[in-house]
N, C-alpha and C. Protein backbone atom coordinates (compact mmCIF):
# COMPACT_ATOMS: atom_id res chain seq x y z
N MET A 1 -29.03 161.06 82.56
CA MET A 1 -28.41 159.56 82.13
C MET A 1 -27.54 159.74 81.68
N GLY A 2 -25.79 158.56 81.94
CA GLY A 2 -24.77 158.62 81.15
C GLY A 2 -25.03 157.48 79.47
N GLN A 3 -23.77 158.10 79.24
CA GLN A 3 -23.95 157.69 77.69
C GLN A 3 -23.25 155.93 78.33
N GLU A 4 -22.94 155.44 78.94
CA GLU A 4 -23.07 154.45 79.27
C GLU A 4 -24.16 153.30 79.63
N GLN A 5 -24.54 153.77 80.51
CA GLN A 5 -26.41 153.03 80.95
C GLN A 5 -27.20 153.11 79.48
N PHE A 6 -26.67 154.58 79.54
CA PHE A 6 -27.27 154.58 77.80
C PHE A 6 -27.48 152.99 76.66
N ALA A 7 -25.91 152.60 76.38
CA ALA A 7 -25.40 152.33 75.50
C ALA A 7 -26.42 151.08 76.06
N ALA A 8 -25.54 150.54 76.77
CA ALA A 8 -26.32 149.90 77.93
C ALA A 8 -28.10 148.96 77.99
N MET A 9 -28.35 150.13 77.36
CA MET A 9 -29.56 150.43 77.30
C MET A 9 -30.96 149.45 75.90
N MET A 10 -29.75 150.43 75.28
CA MET A 10 -30.65 149.99 73.51
C MET A 10 -30.94 148.95 72.78
N PRO A 11 -29.37 147.89 73.22
CA PRO A 11 -30.16 146.85 72.67
C PRO A 11 -31.47 146.14 73.33
N THR A 12 -31.73 146.27 75.14
CA THR A 12 -32.86 145.73 75.46
C THR A 12 -34.29 146.66 74.50
N ILE A 13 -34.03 147.13 73.92
CA ILE A 13 -35.52 148.47 73.92
C ILE A 13 -35.04 147.89 71.94
N SER A 14 -34.27 147.78 71.69
CA SER A 14 -33.99 147.60 70.10
C SER A 14 -34.89 145.76 69.66
N ALA A 15 -34.60 145.33 71.45
CA ALA A 15 -35.02 143.61 71.34
C ALA A 15 -36.72 143.59 71.72
N ASP A 16 -37.11 144.76 72.03
CA ASP A 16 -38.79 144.49 72.61
C ASP A 16 -38.91 144.73 71.55
N LEU A 17 -38.81 145.69 70.87
CA LEU A 17 -39.39 146.72 68.97
C LEU A 17 -39.67 146.00 68.07
N ILE A 18 -38.30 144.47 67.62
CA ILE A 18 -38.21 143.91 66.48
C ILE A 18 -38.70 142.66 66.61
N ALA A 19 -38.82 142.41 68.32
CA ALA A 19 -40.30 141.22 68.76
C ALA A 19 -41.18 142.22 67.99
N LYS A 20 -41.59 143.26 68.68
CA LYS A 20 -43.21 143.95 68.59
C LYS A 20 -44.04 143.63 66.81
N ILE A 21 -42.78 144.17 66.33
CA ILE A 21 -42.71 144.37 64.90
C ILE A 21 -43.04 143.11 64.07
N THR A 22 -41.78 142.42 64.63
CA THR A 22 -41.93 140.33 63.99
C THR A 22 -43.36 140.50 64.01
N ASP A 23 -43.62 139.98 65.48
CA ASP A 23 -45.69 139.38 65.98
C ASP A 23 -46.82 139.93 65.12
N LYS A 24 -46.64 141.57 65.04
CA LYS A 24 -47.87 142.09 64.71
C LYS A 24 -47.79 141.90 62.70
N GLN A 25 -46.48 142.19 62.23
CA GLN A 25 -46.71 142.24 61.02
C GLN A 25 -46.52 140.46 60.14
N GLY A 26 -45.75 139.86 61.47
CA GLY A 26 -45.96 138.46 60.34
C GLY A 26 -44.21 138.30 59.89
N ILE A 27 -43.04 139.82 59.64
CA ILE A 27 -42.49 139.41 58.88
C ILE A 27 -41.02 138.67 60.16
N SER A 28 -40.03 138.47 58.90
CA SER A 28 -39.08 137.85 59.25
C SER A 28 -38.24 139.56 60.41
N GLU A 29 -37.21 138.48 61.16
CA GLU A 29 -36.45 139.19 62.38
C GLU A 29 -35.74 140.38 61.66
N GLU A 30 -35.25 139.45 60.27
CA GLU A 30 -33.72 139.94 60.24
C GLU A 30 -35.02 140.85 59.77
N ASP A 31 -36.03 141.45 58.27
CA ASP A 31 -36.72 142.00 57.98
C ASP A 31 -36.88 143.18 58.34
N ALA A 32 -37.76 143.57 59.73
CA ALA A 32 -37.87 143.86 61.35
C ALA A 32 -36.06 144.68 61.02
N ILE A 33 -35.08 143.81 61.46
CA ILE A 33 -34.37 145.19 62.14
C ILE A 33 -34.04 145.77 60.70
N LYS A 34 -33.33 145.33 59.95
CA LYS A 34 -33.75 146.51 59.15
C LYS A 34 -34.69 147.13 58.38
N GLN A 35 -35.46 147.57 58.71
CA GLN A 35 -36.49 147.52 58.25
C GLN A 35 -36.79 149.89 60.14
N LEU A 36 -36.29 148.49 60.94
CA LEU A 36 -36.50 149.36 62.43
C LEU A 36 -35.22 149.67 61.86
N TYR A 37 -33.57 149.76 61.03
CA TYR A 37 -32.95 150.70 61.56
C TYR A 37 -32.37 151.80 61.08
N ALA A 38 -33.70 151.10 59.40
CA ALA A 38 -34.03 152.14 58.48
C ALA A 38 -34.51 153.36 58.67
N SER A 39 -35.60 153.51 59.69
CA SER A 39 -36.27 154.27 60.15
C SER A 39 -36.39 155.56 60.87
N LYS A 40 -36.08 156.78 61.05
CA LYS A 40 -36.81 157.77 61.49
C LYS A 40 -36.81 157.90 63.00
N LEU A 41 -38.06 156.78 63.12
CA LEU A 41 -37.98 156.51 64.17
C LEU A 41 -37.05 156.41 65.30
N TYR A 42 -35.57 154.95 64.49
CA TYR A 42 -34.98 154.09 64.95
C TYR A 42 -33.25 155.67 64.74
N ALA A 43 -33.70 156.40 64.52
CA ALA A 43 -32.56 157.35 64.24
C ALA A 43 -32.32 158.52 65.79
N ALA A 44 -34.50 158.43 66.12
CA ALA A 44 -34.24 159.84 67.17
C ALA A 44 -33.57 158.83 68.49
N LEU A 45 -34.90 156.91 68.30
CA LEU A 45 -34.34 156.65 69.13
C LEU A 45 -32.86 156.11 70.33
N GLU A 46 -31.48 156.34 69.03
CA GLU A 46 -30.32 156.54 68.61
C GLU A 46 -29.14 157.45 69.83
N GLN A 47 -30.22 158.60 69.27
CA GLN A 47 -29.99 159.60 70.25
C GLN A 47 -30.82 160.22 72.30
N GLU A 48 -29.68 159.96 72.41
CA GLU A 48 -30.51 159.70 74.51
C GLU A 48 -31.60 161.47 75.07
N GLU A 49 -30.48 162.69 73.65
CA GLU A 49 -31.04 162.95 74.78
C GLU A 49 -32.53 163.81 73.80
N THR A 50 -33.43 162.51 72.85
CA THR A 50 -34.85 163.34 73.16
C THR A 50 -35.42 161.85 73.58
N LYS A 51 -34.58 161.01 74.30
CA LYS A 51 -35.41 160.95 75.48
C LYS A 51 -36.87 159.92 74.83
N VAL A 52 -36.51 159.71 73.81
CA VAL A 52 -37.58 158.83 72.54
C VAL A 52 -36.81 157.11 73.35
N TRP A 53 -36.69 156.69 74.03
CA TRP A 53 -36.42 155.73 74.85
C TRP A 53 -36.54 155.52 76.47
N GLN A 54 -37.36 156.42 76.34
CA GLN A 54 -38.53 156.20 77.62
C GLN A 54 -39.76 155.86 77.51
N TYR A 55 -39.96 155.39 76.16
CA TYR A 55 -41.20 155.44 75.76
C TYR A 55 -41.92 153.74 75.52
N SER A 56 -42.70 153.83 75.63
CA SER A 56 -42.92 152.31 75.95
C SER A 56 -42.57 151.21 74.93
N THR A 57 -42.97 150.38 74.14
CA THR A 57 -42.53 149.20 73.07
C THR A 57 -43.65 148.99 72.28
N ASP A 58 -45.74 149.51 73.18
CA ASP A 58 -46.22 149.82 72.41
C ASP A 58 -46.40 151.10 72.27
N MET A 59 -45.50 152.53 72.50
CA MET A 59 -45.87 153.99 71.76
C MET A 59 -44.79 153.63 71.10
N LEU A 60 -43.09 152.71 71.48
CA LEU A 60 -42.94 152.74 70.11
C LEU A 60 -43.07 152.12 68.73
N TYR A 61 -44.09 151.28 69.48
CA TYR A 61 -44.93 150.50 67.96
C TYR A 61 -45.41 150.92 66.97
N ALA A 62 -45.92 152.55 68.05
CA ALA A 62 -47.54 153.00 67.31
C ALA A 62 -46.59 153.86 66.73
N LEU A 63 -45.45 154.22 66.85
CA LEU A 63 -44.46 155.76 66.20
C LEU A 63 -44.53 154.70 64.93
N TYR A 64 -43.62 153.41 65.01
CA TYR A 64 -42.81 152.56 63.87
C TYR A 64 -43.99 153.11 62.62
N GLU A 65 -45.50 152.42 63.04
CA GLU A 65 -46.61 152.50 62.38
C GLU A 65 -46.11 153.61 61.96
N GLN A 66 -47.16 154.46 62.80
CA GLN A 66 -47.38 155.89 62.01
C GLN A 66 -45.89 155.66 60.88
N GLU A 67 -45.00 156.26 60.89
CA GLU A 67 -44.03 156.50 59.95
C GLU A 67 -44.70 155.75 58.92
N MET A 68 -44.24 154.34 59.23
CA MET A 68 -44.16 153.23 57.52
C MET A 68 -45.47 153.43 57.20
N SER A 69 -46.60 153.93 58.43
CA SER A 69 -47.20 154.87 57.43
C SER A 69 -48.08 156.31 56.30
N THR A 70 -47.42 156.86 56.90
CA THR A 70 -47.33 158.42 56.50
C THR A 70 -46.29 158.94 56.41
N GLY A 71 -44.54 158.11 56.29
CA GLY A 71 -43.30 158.53 56.38
C GLY A 71 -43.23 159.21 57.07
N GLU A 72 -43.57 159.79 58.27
CA GLU A 72 -43.36 160.75 59.43
C GLU A 72 -43.27 160.29 60.45
N VAL A 73 -42.37 160.74 61.24
CA VAL A 73 -42.69 160.28 62.78
C VAL A 73 -43.48 161.60 63.83
N ILE A 74 -43.73 161.68 64.07
CA ILE A 74 -44.82 162.60 65.25
C ILE A 74 -44.73 162.51 66.69
N PHE A 75 -43.62 163.14 68.04
CA PHE A 75 -43.66 162.45 69.33
C PHE A 75 -44.63 163.26 69.81
N PRO A 76 -45.40 162.34 70.17
CA PRO A 76 -46.59 163.26 71.26
C PRO A 76 -45.56 163.54 72.08
N ASP A 77 -46.16 164.40 72.99
CA ASP A 77 -46.12 165.65 74.54
C ASP A 77 -46.27 165.10 75.43
N VAL A 78 -44.99 164.85 75.93
CA VAL A 78 -45.32 163.57 77.30
C VAL A 78 -44.96 165.06 78.52
């Protein structure tokens, strides 16, 4: 995937994940954004070559929860 296509997809992926975080955790959108953007998951998501952007919103949320509870992100073998 080209960098332009990837850059165009990131806002949608991020918005979906932020909506999931706010819904599941009952926190504000602003707090969800701050937490997500500070996470290791988001750092990996920002890099096209990691292919993390291909995961579903549910999978990304599960990885986010894992990081919040353990401090680590362990990506599944797919």
